[in-house]
Each structure stands twice: as C-alpha cells, then as structure tokens.
Amino acid sequence: MKTHGTFFEVGDNSGAKLVFCIGQPRSKIRIGDIITVSVKDALPSHRSRVKKGKVYKALVVELKRKTKRYTHLGRSFGRNLVILVDNKGNPIGTRVSSLGSFELRAAGHGRIASISSYLF
C-alpha cells in the first residue's frame, strides 16, 4: 500500500483527529512503521496537545491492507489508524483506543501495545 498522500485517523487522545502522510521509510509500509504526518484536523488548541498544520511522527497501528503474519494468516482492519509519537518513540497521548496487535510488539513497540484498549 503506497501511503504517501494517504489520510489516517488518529487513535489516541493527543487531540488530533485526522492526519496526512507526507513521508514514509519505504515504498510499502507495515504495522509498526514510523511515518511523518501533518495534522489536518484537531480539537481546539486549548484542549489538545497538537496543533493543526504541524508535522509529527506517527506509528502505524492498523491498515486496511491485508497483512500476513508468520502463521500465514491474513489480517486486515476497517480503517487506517496511527498513534502520534515524539522523537523518542513515546506516545504523545496517554490513552490508545486501538487493538494492540502482535506486529506492534514484534516491531519493538511493546509499551504502546500494552497501553492499548484491546490485545489482539
């Protein structure tokens, strides 16, 4: 899935609602990759930690594209979802409302997988 120019929903309570992908590490991204995004829609500035139009790093949590696991089973989600992170990889928000999948732990993001609402 080519994601440069794709809109993603935000699955944490940082204040951003919709982001736009402006940079990616490879041509096809996977769950657990860090991408560069621009905030397109956010809560009012007195209620959010992020501002509209600013550039942040984001961790890909869910993809509509079907991804294969090591067990050769495919898994796809109903939306494209990211979590905003700082330069060290820590989440900007304090709560994550998405599935904490196996791919996040395998990619080295166990802390984000542990604070997510559900474990898959």
PDB file of N, CA and C in Angstrom:
ATOM      1  N   MET A   1       0.846  -1.182   0.000  1.00  0.00           N
ATOM      2  CA  MET A   1       0.000   0.000   0.000  1.00  0.00           C
ATOM      3  C   MET A   1       0.880   1.229   0.000  1.00  0.00           C
ATOM      4  N   LYS A   2       0.774   2.031  -1.012  1.00  0.00           N
ATOM      5  CA  LYS A   2       1.509   3.283  -1.066  1.00  0.00           C
ATOM      6  C   LYS A   2       0.796   4.286  -0.181  1.00  0.00           C
ATOM      7  N   THR A   3       1.437   4.775   0.855  1.00  0.00           N
ATOM      8  CA  THR A   3       0.750   5.617   1.823  1.00  0.00           C
ATOM      9  C   THR A   3       1.114   7.072   1.720  1.00  0.00           C
ATOM     10  N   HIS A   4       2.081   7.433   0.874  1.00  0.00           N
ATOM     11  CA  HIS A   4       2.416   8.845   0.726  1.00  0.00           C
ATOM     12  C   HIS A   4       1.215   9.553   0.115  1.00  0.00           C
ATOM     13  N   GLY A   5       0.607  10.463   0.874  1.00  0.00           N
ATOM     14  CA  GLY A   5      -0.585  11.150   0.413  1.00  0.00           C
ATOM     15  C   GLY A   5      -1.874  10.528   0.912  1.00  0.00           C
ATOM     16  N   THR A   6      -1.796   9.649   1.900  1.00  0.00           N
ATOM     17  CA  THR A   6      -2.966   8.978   2.440  1.00  0.00           C
ATOM     18  C   THR A   6      -3.379   9.633   3.753  1.00  0.00           C
ATOM     19  N   PHE A   7      -4.680   9.714   3.971  1.00  0.00           N
ATOM     20  CA  PHE A   7      -5.205  10.214   5.236  1.00  0.00           C
ATOM     21  C   PHE A   7      -5.317   9.066   6.229  1.00  0.00           C
ATOM     22  N   PHE A   8      -4.961   9.338   7.484  1.00  0.00           N
ATOM     23  CA  PHE A   8      -5.050   8.366   8.568  1.00  0.00           C
ATOM     24  C   PHE A   8      -5.880   8.961   9.697  1.00  0.00           C
ATOM     25  N   GLU A   9      -6.636   8.120  10.375  1.00  0.00           N
ATOM     26  CA  GLU A   9      -7.291   8.531  11.611  1.00  0.00           C
ATOM     27  C   GLU A   9      -6.276   8.411  12.746  1.00  0.00           C
ATOM     28  N   VAL A  10      -6.508   9.154  13.827  1.00  0.00           N
ATOM     29  CA  VAL A  10      -5.613   9.120  14.981  1.00  0.00           C
ATOM     30  C   VAL A  10      -6.313   8.390  16.107  1.00  0.00           C
ATOM     31  N   GLY A  11      -5.625   7.406  16.702  1.00  0.00           N
ATOM     32  CA  GLY A  11      -6.235   6.555  17.712  1.00  0.00           C
ATOM     33  C   GLY A  11      -5.765   6.821  19.121  1.00  0.00           C
ATOM     34  N   ASP A  12      -5.417   8.051  19.461  1.00  0.00           N
ATOM     35  CA  ASP A  12      -5.048   8.369  20.839  1.00  0.00           C
ATOM     36  C   ASP A  12      -5.731   9.670  21.252  1.00  0.00           C
ATOM     37  N   ASN A  13      -5.480  10.105  22.475  1.00  0.00           N
ATOM     38  CA  ASN A  13      -6.144  11.310  22.981  1.00  0.00           C
ATOM     39  C   ASN A  13      -5.219  12.529  22.938  1.00  0.00           C
ATOM     40  N   SER A  14      -4.374  12.614  21.917  1.00  0.00           N
ATOM     41  CA  SER A  14      -3.480  13.761  21.783  1.00  0.00           C
ATOM     42  C   SER A  14      -4.204  15.009  21.312  1.00  0.00           C
ATOM     43  N   GLY A  15      -5.367  14.857  20.692  1.00  0.00           N
ATOM     44  CA  GLY A  15      -6.133  15.993  20.214  1.00  0.00           C
ATOM     45  C   GLY A  15      -6.280  16.024  18.709  1.00  0.00           C
ATOM     46  N   ALA A  16      -5.447  15.322  17.988  1.00  0.00           N
ATOM     47  CA  ALA A  16      -5.559  15.258  16.530  1.00  0.00           C
ATOM     48  C   ALA A  16      -6.632  14.244  16.153  1.00  0.00           C
ATOM     49  N   LYS A  17      -7.361  14.554  15.084  1.00  0.00           N
ATOM     50  CA  LYS A  17      -8.393  13.634  14.606  1.00  0.00           C
ATOM     51  C   LYS A  17      -8.015  13.000  13.281  1.00  0.00           C
ATOM     52  N   LEU A  18      -7.410  13.780  12.390  1.00  0.00           N
ATOM     53  CA  LEU A  18      -7.084  13.319  11.048  1.00  0.00           C
ATOM     54  C   LEU A  18      -5.703  13.834  10.670  1.00  0.00           C
ATOM     55  N   VAL A  19      -4.863  12.951  10.127  1.00  0.00           N
ATOM     56  CA  VAL A  19      -3.517  13.331   9.701  1.00  0.00           C
ATOM     57  C   VAL A  19      -3.301  12.893   8.255  1.00  0.00           C
ATOM     58  N   PHE A  20      -2.296  13.490   7.621  1.00  0.00           N
ATOM     59  CA  PHE A  20      -1.972  13.247   6.224  1.00  0.00           C
ATOM     60  C   PHE A  20      -0.523  12.806   6.143  1.00  0.00           C
ATOM     61  N   CYS A  21      -0.263  11.681   5.502  1.00  0.00           N
ATOM     62  CA  CYS A  21       1.096  11.141   5.414  1.00  0.00           C
ATOM     63  C   CYS A  21       1.920  11.958   4.421  1.00  0.00           C
ATOM     64  N   ILE A  22       3.085  12.469   4.872  1.00  0.00           N
ATOM     65  CA  ILE A  22       3.959  13.229   3.983  1.00  0.00           C
ATOM     66  C   ILE A  22       5.335  12.582   3.841  1.00  0.00           C
ATOM     67  N   GLY A  23       5.606  11.513   4.565  1.00  0.00           N
ATOM     68  CA  GLY A  23       6.889  10.844   4.451  1.00  0.00           C
ATOM     69  C   GLY A  23       6.824   9.449   5.009  1.00  0.00           C
ATOM     70  N   GLN A  24       7.515   8.523   4.351  1.00  0.00           N
ATOM     71  CA  GLN A  24       7.499   7.128   4.786  1.00  0.00           C
ATOM     72  C   GLN A  24       8.876   6.515   4.569  1.00  0.00           C
ATOM     73  N   PRO A  25       9.228   5.491   5.347  1.00  0.00           N
ATOM     74  CA  PRO A  25      10.578   4.933   5.250  1.00  0.00           C
ATOM     75  C   PRO A  25      10.801   4.045   4.030  1.00  0.00           C
ATOM     76  N   ARG A  26       9.778   3.419   3.507  1.00  0.00           N
ATOM     77  CA  ARG A  26       9.910   2.525   2.350  1.00  0.00           C
ATOM     78  C   ARG A  26       8.675   2.653   1.487  1.00  0.00           C
ATOM     79  N   SER A  27       8.668   1.973   0.359  1.00  0.00           N
ATOM     80  CA  SER A  27       7.553   2.141  -0.571  1.00  0.00           C
ATOM     81  C   SER A  27       6.261   1.545  -0.015  1.00  0.00           C
ATOM     82  N   LYS A  28       6.333   0.425   0.668  1.00  0.00           N
ATOM     83  CA  LYS A  28       5.147  -0.179   1.287  1.00  0.00           C
ATOM     84  C   LYS A  28       5.365  -0.234   2.786  1.00  0.00           C
ATOM     85  N   ILE A  29       4.442   0.336   3.524  1.00  0.00           N
ATOM     86  CA  ILE A  29       4.610   0.332   4.972  1.00  0.00           C
ATOM     87  C   ILE A  29       3.854  -0.837   5.583  1.00  0.00           C
ATOM     88  N   ARG A  30       4.230  -1.148   6.808  1.00  0.00           N
ATOM     89  CA  ARG A  30       3.595  -2.219   7.559  1.00  0.00           C
ATOM     90  C   ARG A  30       3.190  -1.691   8.919  1.00  0.00           C
ATOM     91  N   ILE A  31       2.450  -2.497   9.639  1.00  0.00           N
ATOM     92  CA  ILE A  31       2.093  -2.141  11.013  1.00  0.00           C
ATOM     93  C   ILE A  31       3.373  -2.108  11.838  1.00  0.00           C
ATOM     94  N   GLY A  32       3.553  -1.035  12.584  1.00  0.00           N
ATOM     95  CA  GLY A  32       4.751  -0.874  13.396  1.00  0.00           C
ATOM     96  C   GLY A  32       5.761   0.090  12.812  1.00  0.00           C
ATOM     97  N   ASP A  33       5.544   0.598  11.594  1.00  0.00           N
ATOM     98  CA  ASP A  33       6.450   1.564  10.979  1.00  0.00           C
ATOM     99  C   ASP A  33       6.157   2.967  11.491  1.00  0.00           C
ATOM    100  N   ILE A  34       7.201   3.798  11.536  1.00  0.00           N
ATOM    101  CA  ILE A  34       7.062   5.200  11.914  1.00  0.00           C
ATOM    102  C   ILE A  34       7.044   6.026  10.624  1.00  0.00           C
ATOM    103  N   ILE A  35       6.013   6.870  10.471  1.00  0.00           N
ATOM    104  CA  ILE A  35       5.896   7.724   9.296  1.00  0.00           C
ATOM    105  C   ILE A  35       5.821   9.176   9.745  1.00  0.00           C
ATOM    106  N   THR A  36       6.004  10.110   8.814  1.00  0.00           N
ATOM    107  CA  THR A  36       5.896  11.531   9.083  1.00  0.00           C
ATOM    108  C   THR A  36       4.528  12.008   8.602  1.00  0.00           C
ATOM    109  N   VAL A  37       3.815  12.713   9.473  1.00  0.00           N
ATOM    110  CA  VAL A  37       2.453  13.141   9.142  1.00  0.00           C
ATOM    111  C   VAL A  37       2.275  14.626   9.444  1.00  0.00           C
ATOM    112  N   SER A  38       1.281  15.203   8.790  1.00  0.00           N
ATOM    113  CA  SER A  38       0.858  16.574   9.045  1.00  0.00           C
ATOM    114  C   SER A  38      -0.572  16.537   9.572  1.00  0.00           C
ATOM    115  N   VAL A  39      -0.846  17.281  10.631  1.00  0.00           N
ATOM    116  CA  VAL A  39      -2.176  17.277  11.241  1.00  0.00           C
ATOM    117  C   VAL A  39      -3.118  18.112  10.383  1.00  0.00           C
ATOM    118  N   LYS A  40      -4.214  17.510   9.930  1.00  0.00           N
ATOM    119  CA  LYS A  40      -5.196  18.201   9.107  1.00  0.00           C
ATOM    120  C   LYS A  40      -6.429  18.630   9.896  1.00  0.00           C
ATOM    121  N   ASP A  41      -6.791  17.884  10.939  1.00  0.00           N
ATOM    122  CA  ASP A  41      -7.952  18.226  11.746  1.00  0.00           C
ATOM    123  C   ASP A  41      -7.628  17.911  13.202  1.00  0.00           C
ATOM    124  N   ALA A  42      -7.904  18.864  14.085  1.00  0.00           N
ATOM    125  CA  ALA A  42      -7.589  18.681  15.504  1.00  0.00           C
ATOM    126  C   ALA A  42      -8.642  19.395  16.346  1.00  0.00           C
ATOM    127  N   LEU A  43      -8.664  19.046  17.623  1.00  0.00           N
ATOM    128  CA  LEU A  43      -9.513  19.737  18.583  1.00  0.00           C
ATOM    129  C   LEU A  43      -9.020  21.171  18.763  1.00  0.00           C
ATOM    130  N   PRO A  44      -9.818  22.047  19.350  1.00  0.00           N
ATOM    131  CA  PRO A  44      -9.333  23.411  19.607  1.00  0.00           C
ATOM    132  C   PRO A  44      -8.044  23.409  20.431  1.00  0.00           C
ATOM    133  N   SER A  45      -7.217  24.418  20.235  1.00  0.00           N
ATOM    134  CA  SER A  45      -5.862  24.412  20.788  1.00  0.00           C
ATOM    135  C   SER A  45      -5.821  24.381  22.309  1.00  0.00           C
ATOM    136  N   HIS A  46      -6.842  24.880  22.996  1.00  0.00           N
ATOM    137  CA  HIS A  46      -6.809  24.849  24.457  1.00  0.00           C
ATOM    138  C   HIS A  46      -7.143  23.456  25.005  1.00  0.00           C
ATOM    139  N   ARG A  47      -7.582  22.531  24.138  1.00  0.00           N
ATOM    140  CA  ARG A  47      -7.920  21.178  24.589  1.00  0.00           C
ATOM    141  C   ARG A  47      -7.005  20.102  24.036  1.00  0.00           C
ATOM    142  N   SER A  48      -6.040  20.446  23.198  1.00  0.00           N
ATOM    143  CA  SER A  48      -5.228  19.407  22.582  1.00  0.00           C
ATOM    144  C   SER A  48      -3.741  19.684  22.772  1.00  0.00           C
ATOM    145  N   ARG A  49      -2.955  18.638  22.620  1.00  0.00           N
ATOM    146  CA  ARG A  49      -1.507  18.749  22.741  1.00  0.00           C
ATOM    147  C   ARG A  49      -0.836  19.016  21.401  1.00  0.00           C
ATOM    148  N   VAL A  50      -1.582  18.872  20.315  1.00  0.00           N
ATOM    149  CA  VAL A  50      -1.038  19.091  18.980  1.00  0.00           C
ATOM    150  C   VAL A  50      -1.797  20.231  18.308  1.00  0.00           C
ATOM    151  N   LYS A  51      -1.179  20.805  17.274  1.00  0.00           N
ATOM    152  CA  LYS A  51      -1.797  21.913  16.569  1.00  0.00           C
ATOM    153  C   LYS A  51      -1.992  21.549  15.107  1.00  0.00           C
ATOM    154  N   LYS A  52      -3.035  22.092  14.532  1.00  0.00           N
ATOM    155  CA  LYS A  52      -3.346  21.854  13.131  1.00  0.00           C
ATOM    156  C   LYS A  52      -2.242  22.453  12.256  1.00  0.00           C
ATOM    157  N   GLY A  53      -1.792  21.685  11.259  1.00  0.00           N
ATOM    158  CA  GLY A  53      -0.755  22.145  10.336  1.00  0.00           C
ATOM    159  C   GLY A  53       0.656  21.788  10.757  1.00  0.00           C
ATOM    160  N   LYS A  54       0.876  21.317  11.971  1.00  0.00           N
ATOM    161  CA  LYS A  54       2.213  20.947  12.433  1.00  0.00           C
ATOM    162  C   LYS A  54       2.580  19.547  11.945  1.00  0.00           C
ATOM    163  N   VAL A  55       3.880  19.271  11.910  1.00  0.00           N
ATOM    164  CA  VAL A  55       4.396  17.984  11.433  1.00  0.00           C
ATOM    165  C   VAL A  55       4.845  17.161  12.640  1.00  0.00           C
ATOM    166  N   TYR A  56       4.426  15.893  12.671  1.00  0.00           N
ATOM    167  CA  TYR A  56       4.759  14.982  13.759  1.00  0.00           C
ATOM    168  C   TYR A  56       5.161  13.627  13.192  1.00  0.00           C
ATOM    169  N   LYS A  57       5.711  12.790  14.047  1.00  0.00           N
ATOM    170  CA  LYS A  57       5.958  11.389  13.724  1.00  0.00           C
ATOM    171  C   LYS A  57       4.759  10.585  14.201  1.00  0.00           C
ATOM    172  N   ALA A  58       4.455   9.497  13.501  1.00  0.00           N
ATOM    173  CA  ALA A  58       3.308   8.666  13.874  1.00  0.00           C
ATOM    174  C   ALA A  58       3.651   7.199  13.679  1.00  0.00           C
ATOM    175  N   LEU A  59       3.088   6.364  14.525  1.00  0.00           N
ATOM    176  CA  LEU A  59       3.266   4.918  14.457  1.00  0.00           C
ATOM    177  C   LEU A  59       2.023   4.304  13.830  1.00  0.00           C
ATOM    178  N   VAL A  60       2.215   3.500  12.798  1.00  0.00           N
ATOM    179  CA  VAL A  60       1.092   2.861  12.113  1.00  0.00           C
ATOM    180  C   VAL A  60       0.616   1.689  12.968  1.00  0.00           C
ATOM    181  N   VAL A  61      -0.686   1.699  13.310  1.00  0.00           N
ATOM    182  CA  VAL A  61      -1.255   0.689  14.196  1.00  0.00           C
ATOM    183  C   VAL A  61      -2.198  -0.249  13.450  1.00  0.00           C
ATOM    184  N   GLU A  62      -3.022   0.295  12.562  1.00  0.00           N
ATOM    185  CA  GLU A  62      -3.968  -0.514  11.794  1.00  0.00           C
ATOM    186  C   GLU A  62      -3.922  -0.080  10.334  1.00  0.00           C
ATOM    187  N   LEU A  63      -4.063  -1.054   9.427  1.00  0.00           N
ATOM    188  CA  LEU A  63      -4.098  -0.785   7.991  1.00  0.00           C
ATOM    189  C   LEU A  63      -5.263  -1.520   7.356  1.00  0.00           C
ATOM    190  N   LYS A  64      -5.881  -0.894   6.359  1.00  0.00           N
ATOM    191  CA  LYS A  64      -6.938  -1.572   5.617  1.00  0.00           C
ATOM    192  C   LYS A  64      -6.375  -2.695   4.762  1.00  0.00           C
ATOM    193  N   ARG A  65      -5.118  -2.537   4.348  1.00  0.00           N
ATOM    194  CA  ARG A  65      -4.492  -3.546   3.508  1.00  0.00           C
ATOM    195  C   ARG A  65      -4.289  -4.836   4.306  1.00  0.00           C
ATOM    196  N   LYS A  66      -4.499  -5.954   3.677  1.00  0.00           N
ATOM    197  CA  LYS A  66      -4.338  -7.237   4.345  1.00  0.00           C
ATOM    198  C   LYS A  66      -2.857  -7.508   4.586  1.00  0.00           C
ATOM    199  N   THR A  67      -2.513  -7.816   5.839  1.00  0.00           N
ATOM    200  CA  THR A  67      -1.133  -8.122   6.184  1.00  0.00           C
ATOM    201  C   THR A  67      -1.051  -9.576   6.629  1.00  0.00           C
ATOM    202  N   LYS A  68       0.034 -10.219   6.259  1.00  0.00           N
ATOM    203  CA  LYS A  68       0.212 -11.620   6.615  1.00  0.00           C
ATOM    204  C   LYS A  68       1.081 -11.727   7.858  1.00  0.00           C
ATOM    205  N   ARG A  69       0.744 -12.672   8.692  1.00  0.00           N
ATOM    206  CA  ARG A  69       1.544 -12.969   9.872  1.00  0.00           C
ATOM    207  C   ARG A  69       2.463 -14.142   9.590  1.00  0.00           C
ATOM    208  N   TYR A  70       3.307 -14.471  10.559  1.00  0.00           N
ATOM    209  CA  TYR A  70       4.215 -15.588  10.369  1.00  0.00           C
ATOM    210  C   TYR A  70       3.470 -16.914  10.298  1.00  0.00           C
ATOM    211  N   THR A  71       2.223 -16.953  10.743  1.00  0.00           N
ATOM    212  CA  THR A  71       1.416 -18.165  10.670  1.00  0.00           C
ATOM    213  C   THR A  71       0.694 -18.283   9.327  1.00  0.00           C
ATOM    214  N   HIS A  72       0.977 -17.357   8.406  1.00  0.00           N
ATOM    215  CA  HIS A  72       0.393 -17.302   7.065  1.00  0.00           C
ATOM    216  C   HIS A  72      -1.098 -16.983   7.088  1.00  0.00           C
ATOM    217  N   LEU A  73      -1.581 -16.425   8.172  1.00  0.00           N
ATOM    218  CA  LEU A  73      -2.958 -15.951   8.239  1.00  0.00           C
ATOM    219  C   LEU A  73      -2.976 -14.457   7.947  1.00  0.00           C
ATOM    220  N   GLY A  74      -3.956 -14.011   7.200  1.00  0.00           N
ATOM    221  CA  GLY A  74      -4.056 -12.598   6.860  1.00  0.00           C
ATOM    222  C   GLY A  74      -4.959 -11.862   7.835  1.00  0.00           C
ATOM    223  N   ARG A  75      -4.645 -10.594   8.089  1.00  0.00           N
ATOM    224  CA  ARG A  75      -5.448  -9.781   8.986  1.00  0.00           C
ATOM    225  C   ARG A  75      -5.560  -8.392   8.385  1.00  0.00           C
ATOM    226  N   SER A  76      -6.792  -7.894   8.255  1.00  0.00           N
ATOM    227  CA  SER A  76      -6.997  -6.528   7.789  1.00  0.00           C
ATOM    228  C   SER A  76      -7.948  -5.832   8.749  1.00  0.00           C
ATOM    229  N   PHE A  77      -7.836  -4.521   8.822  1.00  0.00           N
ATOM    230  CA  PHE A  77      -8.658  -3.719   9.704  1.00  0.00           C
ATOM    231  C   PHE A  77      -9.604  -2.879   8.865  1.00  0.00           C
ATOM    232  N   GLY A  78     -10.562  -2.258   9.482  1.00  0.00           N
ATOM    233  CA  GLY A  78     -11.541  -1.468   8.762  1.00  0.00           C
ATOM    234  C   GLY A  78     -11.137  -0.034   8.534  1.00  0.00           C
ATOM    235  N   ARG A  79      -9.979   0.387   9.030  1.00  0.00           N
ATOM    236  CA  ARG A  79      -9.547   1.775   8.904  1.00  0.00           C
ATOM    237  C   ARG A  79      -8.027   1.844   8.940  1.00  0.00           C
ATOM    238  N   ASN A  80      -7.508   2.960   8.470  1.00  0.00           N
ATOM    239  CA  ASN A  80      -6.083   3.255   8.596  1.00  0.00           C
ATOM    240  C   ASN A  80      -5.915   4.108   9.850  1.00  0.00           C
ATOM    241  N   LEU A  81      -5.120   3.631  10.802  1.00  0.00           N
ATOM    242  CA  LEU A  81      -5.029   4.286  12.102  1.00  0.00           C
ATOM    243  C   LEU A  81      -3.573   4.443  12.509  1.00  0.00           C
ATOM    244  N   VAL A  82      -3.244   5.616  13.074  1.00  0.00           N
ATOM    245  CA  VAL A  82      -1.904   5.871  13.587  1.00  0.00           C
ATOM    246  C   VAL A  82      -1.999   6.416  15.010  1.00  0.00           C
ATOM    247  N   ILE A  83      -0.854   6.399  15.690  1.00  0.00           N
ATOM    248  CA  ILE A  83      -0.709   6.991  17.018  1.00  0.00           C
ATOM    249  C   ILE A  83       0.445   7.975  16.928  1.00  0.00           C
ATOM    250  N   LEU A  84       0.234   9.204  17.362  1.00  0.00           N
ATOM    251  CA  LEU A  84       1.288  10.210  17.308  1.00  0.00           C
ATOM    252  C   LEU A  84       2.329   9.932  18.386  1.00  0.00           C
ATOM    253  N   VAL A  85       3.612  10.006  17.998  1.00  0.00           N
ATOM    254  CA  VAL A  85       4.714   9.739  18.917  1.00  0.00           C
ATOM    255  C   VAL A  85       5.707  10.895  18.844  1.00  0.00           C
ATOM    256  N   ASP A  86       6.546  11.009  19.892  1.00  0.00           N
ATOM    257  CA  ASP A  86       7.597  12.021  19.875  1.00  0.00           C
ATOM    258  C   ASP A  86       8.857  11.430  19.233  1.00  0.00           C
ATOM    259  N   ASN A  87       9.958  12.170  19.292  1.00  0.00           N
ATOM    260  CA  ASN A  87      11.187  11.713  18.629  1.00  0.00           C
ATOM    261  C   ASN A  87      11.782  10.469  19.268  1.00  0.00           C
ATOM    262  N   LYS A  88      11.478  10.216  20.541  1.00  0.00           N
ATOM    263  CA  LYS A  88      11.993   9.026  21.221  1.00  0.00           C
ATOM    264  C   LYS A  88      11.108   7.806  21.018  1.00  0.00           C
ATOM    265  N   GLY A  89       9.933   7.990  20.419  1.00  0.00           N
ATOM    266  CA  GLY A  89       9.022   6.876  20.182  1.00  0.00           C
ATOM    267  C   GLY A  89       7.954   6.717  21.240  1.00  0.00           C
ATOM    268  N   ASN A  90       7.908   7.625  22.206  1.00  0.00           N
ATOM    269  CA  ASN A  90       6.873   7.582  23.242  1.00  0.00           C
ATOM    270  C   ASN A  90       5.606   8.254  22.728  1.00  0.00           C
ATOM    271  N   PRO A  91       4.436   7.725  23.081  1.00  0.00           N
ATOM    272  CA  PRO A  91       3.194   8.332  22.583  1.00  0.00           C
ATOM    273  C   PRO A  91       2.953   9.717  23.173  1.00  0.00           C
ATOM    274  N   ILE A  92       2.391  10.605  22.370  1.00  0.00           N
ATOM    275  CA  ILE A  92       2.068  11.955  22.831  1.00  0.00           C
ATOM    276  C   ILE A  92       0.829  11.905  23.722  1.00  0.00           C
ATOM    277  N   GLY A  93      -0.157  11.110  23.353  1.00  0.00           N
ATOM    278  CA  GLY A  93      -1.354  10.940  24.165  1.00  0.00           C
ATOM    279  C   GLY A  93      -1.118   9.953  25.301  1.00  0.00           C
ATOM    280  N   THR A  94      -2.083   9.891  26.210  1.00  0.00           N
ATOM    281  CA  THR A  94      -1.950   8.985  27.353  1.00  0.00           C
ATOM    282  C   THR A  94      -2.797   7.729  27.206  1.00  0.00           C
ATOM    283  N   ARG A  95      -3.778   7.760  26.297  1.00  0.00           N
ATOM    284  CA  ARG A  95      -4.629   6.582  26.081  1.00  0.00           C
ATOM    285  C   ARG A  95      -4.639   6.239  24.607  1.00  0.00           C
ATOM    286  N   VAL A  96      -4.679   4.951  24.325  1.00  0.00           N
ATOM    287  CA  VAL A  96      -4.711   4.470  22.952  1.00  0.00           C
ATOM    288  C   VAL A  96      -5.973   3.649  22.777  1.00  0.00           C
ATOM    289  N   SER A  97      -6.786   4.001  21.781  1.00  0.00           N
ATOM    290  CA  SER A  97      -8.041   3.291  21.560  1.00  0.00           C
ATOM    291  C   SER A  97      -7.962   2.477  20.271  1.00  0.00           C
ATOM    292  N   SER A  98      -7.117   1.465  20.276  1.00  0.00           N
ATOM    293  CA  SER A  98      -6.993   0.594  19.114  1.00  0.00           C
ATOM    294  C   SER A  98      -6.581  -0.794  19.605  1.00  0.00           C
ATOM    295  N   LEU A  99      -6.493  -1.686  18.674  1.00  0.00           N
ATOM    296  CA  LEU A  99      -6.065  -3.040  19.005  1.00  0.00           C
ATOM    297  C   LEU A  99      -4.557  -3.080  19.145  1.00  0.00           C
ATOM    298  N   GLY A 100      -4.060  -3.645  20.223  1.00  0.00           N
ATOM    299  CA  GLY A 100      -2.627  -3.831  20.392  1.00  0.00           C
ATOM    300  C   GLY A 100      -2.220  -5.139  19.753  1.00  0.00           C
ATOM    301  N   SER A 101      -1.820  -5.097  18.499  1.00  0.00           N
ATOM    302  CA  SER A 101      -1.588  -6.324  17.749  1.00  0.00           C
ATOM    303  C   SER A 101      -0.193  -6.886  17.992  1.00  0.00           C
ATOM    304  N   PHE A 102      -0.025  -8.102  17.564  1.00  0.00           N
ATOM    305  CA  PHE A 102       1.244  -8.804  17.699  1.00  0.00           C
ATOM    306  C   PHE A 102       2.350  -8.086  16.933  1.00  0.00           C
ATOM    307  N   GLU A 103       2.010  -7.483  15.814  1.00  0.00           N
ATOM    308  CA  GLU A 103       3.016  -6.817  14.989  1.00  0.00           C
ATOM    309  C   GLU A 103       3.658  -5.630  15.698  1.00  0.00           C
ATOM    310  N   LEU A 104       2.912  -4.963  16.580  1.00  0.00           N
ATOM    311  CA  LEU A 104       3.495  -3.855  17.341  1.00  0.00           C
ATOM    312  C   LEU A 104       4.561  -4.351  18.303  1.00  0.00           C
ATOM    313  N   ARG A 105       4.284  -5.427  18.982  1.00  0.00           N
ATOM    314  CA  ARG A 105       5.281  -5.989  19.905  1.00  0.00           C
ATOM    315  C   ARG A 105       6.501  -6.499  19.148  1.00  0.00           C
ATOM    316  N   ALA A 106       6.280  -7.117  18.009  1.00  0.00           N
ATOM    317  CA  ALA A 106       7.389  -7.647  17.219  1.00  0.00           C
ATOM    318  C   ALA A 106       8.267  -6.520  16.665  1.00  0.00           C
ATOM    319  N   ALA A 107       7.676  -5.356  16.412  1.00  0.00           N
ATOM    320  CA  ALA A 107       8.433  -4.218  15.887  1.00  0.00           C
ATOM    321  C   ALA A 107       9.132  -3.427  16.991  1.00  0.00           C
ATOM    322  N   GLY A 108       8.967  -3.821  18.243  1.00  0.00           N
ATOM    323  CA  GLY A 108       9.647  -3.156  19.345  1.00  0.00           C
ATOM    324  C   GLY A 108       8.850  -2.051  20.007  1.00  0.00           C
ATOM    325  N   HIS A 109       7.547  -2.024  19.804  1.00  0.00           N
ATOM    326  CA  HIS A 109       6.694  -1.009  20.410  1.00  0.00           C
ATOM    327  C   HIS A 109       5.783  -1.652  21.455  1.00  0.00           C
ATOM    328  N   GLY A 110       6.373  -2.378  22.372  1.00  0.00           N
ATOM    329  CA  GLY A 110       5.617  -3.089  23.394  1.00  0.00           C
ATOM    330  C   GLY A 110       4.891  -2.180  24.363  1.00  0.00           C
ATOM    331  N   ARG A 111       5.454  -0.998  24.614  1.00  0.00           N
ATOM    332  CA  ARG A 111       4.812  -0.070  25.554  1.00  0.00           C
ATOM    333  C   ARG A 111       3.488   0.425  24.990  1.00  0.00           C
ATOM    334  N   ILE A 112       3.467   0.745  23.718  1.00  0.00           N
ATOM    335  CA  ILE A 112       2.230   1.217  23.099  1.00  0.00           C
ATOM    336  C   ILE A 112       1.219   0.088  23.020  1.00  0.00           C
ATOM    337  N   ALA A 113       1.662  -1.120  22.736  1.00  0.00           N
ATOM    338  CA  ALA A 113       0.750  -2.262  22.694  1.00  0.00           C
ATOM    339  C   ALA A 113       0.163  -2.550  24.072  1.00  0.00           C
ATOM    340  N   SER A 114       0.939  -2.294  25.123  1.00  0.00           N
ATOM    341  CA  SER A 114       0.444  -2.592  26.473  1.00  0.00           C
ATOM    342  C   SER A 114      -0.575  -1.557  26.964  1.00  0.00           C
ATOM    343  N   ILE A 115      -0.516  -0.307  26.496  1.00  0.00           N
ATOM    344  CA  ILE A 115      -1.494   0.683  26.953  1.00  0.00           C
ATOM    345  C   ILE A 115      -2.717   0.758  26.044  1.00  0.00           C
ATOM    346  N   SER A 116      -2.761  -0.070  25.004  1.00  0.00           N
ATOM    347  CA  SER A 116      -3.924  -0.051  24.113  1.00  0.00           C
ATOM    348  C   SER A 116      -5.119  -0.708  24.796  1.00  0.00           C
ATOM    349  N   SER A 117      -6.302  -0.426  24.255  1.00  0.00           N
ATOM    350  CA  SER A 117      -7.539  -0.878  24.890  1.00  0.00           C
ATOM    351  C   SER A 117      -7.702  -2.377  24.825  1.00  0.00           C
ATOM    352  N   TYR A 118      -7.384  -2.961  23.683  1.00  0.00           N
ATOM    353  CA  TYR A 118      -7.597  -4.374  23.467  1.00  0.00           C
ATOM    354  C   TYR A 118      -6.298  -5.005  22.989  1.00  0.00           C
ATOM    355  N   LEU A 119      -6.167  -6.277  23.244  1.00  0.00           N
ATOM    356  CA  LEU A 119      -4.975  -7.003  22.783  1.00  0.00           C
ATOM    357  C   LEU A 119      -5.419  -8.041  21.778  1.00  0.00           C
ATOM    358  N   PHE A 120      -4.802  -7.997  20.588  1.00  0.00           N
ATOM    359  CA  PHE A 120      -5.140  -8.953  19.534  1.00  0.00           C
ATOM    360  C   PHE A 120      -3.894  -9.640  19.086  1.00  0.00           C
TER     361      PHE A 120
END
